[in-house]
Amino acid sequence: MLKKTNNVHYIIRLMRRISFLFFILFSCVFTAHADSRPDCLMCGMYLEQYSHVRYEVVTKDNKVHATCGVQCGLFLQLNLKDTFKSATATDLFSHKTLPASKAWYVYKSSVITDMGPGFIAFASRKQAENFITGFGGNLFTYQEALNLAKTGLK
């Protein structure tokens, strides 16, 4: 009977040790993964979930700063002030990037992409107008969108 009791205690201790090791192992794996996921500099949302509306800002030292979408990108651009060099927006339909200054923007449509209701970029005015026909919103040029962001989107 004594030997059987010792075996049970041994197995329990062994199971606790194994459980503890798994806990440590998985804690390290999930922490490393969470730290390696790039997030938006402005709001903290995970960039990989918003690659279809991504907006990138390049500073004069050629560093690329990615944001989840146009709205965060415009605010980042305004915050960078004199260090801002250029920006790219991602067209909602093709998912291709284009110079932000050449894109057309729809604001306050019924479609929520990243920040809602926010800006959505389009490669052409026609695409943006067609989108507005179906989902509402207001059409803006790059400069108009930037000016609206300066006012805090009021």
Protein backbone atom coordinates (compact mmCIF):
# COMPACT_ATOMS: atom_id res chain seq x y z
CA MET A 1 0.00 0.00 0.00
CA LEU A 2 2.86 2.37 0.84
CA LYS A 3 4.48 1.81 -2.54
CA LYS A 4 1.21 2.52 -4.39
CA THR A 5 0.77 5.78 -2.45
CA ASN A 6 4.32 6.87 -3.33
CA ASN A 7 3.66 6.18 -7.01
CA VAL A 8 0.49 8.27 -6.93
CA HIS A 9 2.33 11.18 -5.29
CA TYR A 10 5.16 10.84 -7.78
CA ILE A 11 2.73 10.94 -10.70
CA ILE A 12 0.94 13.98 -9.25
CA ARG A 13 4.25 15.84 -8.77
CA LEU A 14 5.32 14.87 -12.28
CA MET A 15 2.02 16.10 -13.76
CA ARG A 16 2.35 19.41 -11.90
CA ARG A 17 5.87 19.89 -13.22
CA ILE A 18 4.80 19.08 -16.76
CA SER A 19 1.83 21.45 -16.49
CA PHE A 20 4.10 24.19 -15.17
CA LEU A 21 6.56 23.66 -18.03
CA PHE A 22 3.75 23.83 -20.61
CA PHE A 23 2.47 27.01 -18.99
CA ILE A 24 5.93 28.62 -19.19
CA LEU A 25 6.46 27.42 -22.75
CA PHE A 26 3.11 28.68 -24.07
CA SER A 27 3.40 31.95 -22.16
CA CYS A 28 6.69 32.65 -23.89
CA VAL A 29 5.36 31.66 -27.32
CA PHE A 30 2.23 33.82 -27.07
CA THR A 31 4.12 36.77 -25.61
CA ALA A 32 6.71 36.60 -28.40
CA HIS A 33 3.97 36.37 -31.02
CA ALA A 34 2.03 39.30 -29.56
CA ASP A 35 5.17 41.44 -29.46
CA SER A 36 6.02 40.58 -33.06
CA ARG A 37 2.62 41.58 -34.47
CA PRO A 38 2.96 45.03 -36.01
CA ASP A 39 0.30 47.45 -34.92
CA CYS A 40 -0.93 50.86 -35.99
CA LEU A 41 1.16 53.67 -34.52
CA MET A 42 -1.92 55.76 -33.87
CA CYS A 43 -4.60 53.40 -32.53
CA GLY A 44 -2.83 50.10 -31.88
CA MET A 45 -4.98 47.91 -34.15
CA TYR A 46 -3.17 44.99 -35.79
CA LEU A 47 -1.99 45.97 -39.27
CA GLU A 48 -2.33 42.52 -40.80
CA GLN A 49 -6.10 42.71 -40.31
CA TYR A 50 -6.30 45.94 -42.30
CA SER A 51 -3.88 45.44 -45.20
CA HIS A 52 -6.72 46.22 -47.65
CA VAL A 53 -6.93 49.82 -46.34
CA ARG A 54 -3.37 50.36 -45.11
CA TYR A 55 -1.85 53.85 -45.23
CA GLU A 56 1.90 54.42 -44.99
CA VAL A 57 3.72 57.60 -44.12
CA VAL A 58 7.38 58.09 -45.04
CA THR A 59 9.51 60.57 -43.13
CA LYS A 60 12.49 62.52 -44.45
CA ASP A 61 14.87 59.95 -42.95
CA ASN A 62 13.08 57.35 -45.18
CA LYS A 63 11.44 55.51 -42.30
CA VAL A 64 8.10 53.97 -43.23
CA HIS A 65 5.35 54.25 -40.62
CA ALA A 66 2.32 52.05 -41.29
CA THR A 67 -1.18 52.74 -40.04
CA CYS A 68 -4.39 50.71 -40.17
CA GLY A 69 -6.04 53.11 -42.61
CA VAL A 70 -6.45 56.59 -44.00
CA GLN A 71 -7.80 58.26 -40.88
CA CYS A 72 -4.88 57.19 -38.67
CA GLY A 73 -2.47 57.91 -41.53
CA LEU A 74 -3.69 61.48 -41.93
CA PHE A 75 -3.42 62.11 -38.20
CA LEU A 76 0.09 60.62 -38.14
CA GLN A 77 1.04 62.77 -41.11
CA LEU A 78 -0.16 65.89 -39.32
CA ASN A 79 1.70 64.90 -36.14
CA LEU A 80 4.97 64.44 -38.04
CA LYS A 81 4.80 67.99 -39.44
CA ASP A 82 8.25 68.97 -40.79
CA THR A 83 9.58 65.40 -40.93
CA PHE A 84 6.82 64.24 -43.32
CA LYS A 85 8.05 63.28 -46.79
CA SER A 86 5.30 61.28 -48.54
CA ALA A 87 2.41 58.91 -48.04
CA THR A 88 0.72 56.01 -49.81
CA ALA A 89 -2.88 54.88 -49.56
CA THR A 90 -4.37 51.51 -50.46
CA ASP A 91 -7.25 51.39 -52.95
CA LEU A 92 -10.20 49.56 -51.39
CA PHE A 93 -11.05 47.59 -54.54
CA SER A 94 -7.69 46.60 -56.03
CA HIS A 95 -5.71 46.63 -52.75
CA LYS A 96 -2.89 48.34 -54.67
CA THR A 97 -1.02 51.25 -53.15
CA LEU A 98 -0.87 54.64 -54.78
CA PRO A 99 0.49 58.04 -53.79
CA ALA A 100 -1.91 59.40 -51.19
CA SER A 101 -2.00 62.74 -52.99
CA LYS A 102 -3.48 61.05 -56.10
CA ALA A 103 -6.19 59.08 -54.29
CA TRP A 104 -9.83 60.06 -53.82
CA TYR A 105 -11.39 59.65 -50.41
CA VAL A 106 -14.88 58.81 -49.21
CA TYR A 107 -15.72 59.91 -45.68
CA LYS A 108 -18.61 58.72 -43.48
CA SER A 109 -20.00 55.98 -45.69
CA SER A 110 -22.05 53.12 -44.24
CA VAL A 111 -19.04 50.80 -44.75
CA ILE A 112 -16.65 50.55 -41.83
CA THR A 113 -13.19 49.38 -42.86
CA ASP A 114 -10.78 50.24 -40.06
CA MET A 115 -12.00 53.27 -38.10
CA GLY A 116 -15.63 53.94 -38.48
CA PRO A 117 -17.08 55.88 -39.97
CA GLY A 118 -13.84 57.05 -41.49
CA PHE A 119 -11.98 57.64 -44.72
CA ILE A 120 -11.69 55.08 -47.50
CA ALA A 121 -9.19 55.54 -50.36
CA PHE A 122 -9.92 54.94 -54.04
CA ALA A 123 -7.64 55.05 -57.07
CA SER A 124 -10.13 57.01 -59.18
CA ARG A 125 -12.86 59.56 -58.71
CA LYS A 126 -15.29 57.36 -60.65
CA GLN A 127 -14.73 54.42 -58.30
CA ALA A 128 -15.30 56.69 -55.30
CA GLU A 129 -18.47 58.16 -56.80
CA ASN A 130 -19.84 54.70 -57.61
CA PHE A 131 -19.08 53.62 -54.05
CA ILE A 132 -20.95 56.65 -52.68
CA THR A 133 -23.97 55.75 -54.82
CA GLY A 134 -24.22 52.41 -53.04
CA PHE A 135 -22.93 53.18 -49.56
CA GLY A 136 -23.22 56.93 -49.03
CA GLY A 137 -20.53 59.26 -47.79
CA ASN A 138 -18.83 62.41 -48.98
CA LEU A 139 -16.12 62.72 -51.61
CA PHE A 140 -12.80 64.42 -50.79
CA THR A 141 -9.52 65.08 -52.54
CA TYR A 142 -6.33 64.38 -50.64
CA GLN A 143 -5.93 68.02 -49.58
CA GLU A 144 -9.57 68.27 -48.50
CA ALA A 145 -9.23 65.08 -46.43
CA LEU A 146 -6.06 66.44 -44.84
CA ASN A 147 -7.79 69.74 -44.05
CA LEU A 148 -10.72 67.88 -42.47
CA ALA A 149 -8.28 65.87 -40.34
CA LYS A 150 -6.66 69.14 -39.22
CA THR A 151 -10.01 70.24 -37.79
CA GLY A 152 -10.34 66.99 -35.84
CA LEU A 153 -12.89 65.65 -38.36
CA LYS A 154 -15.55 68.19 -37.39
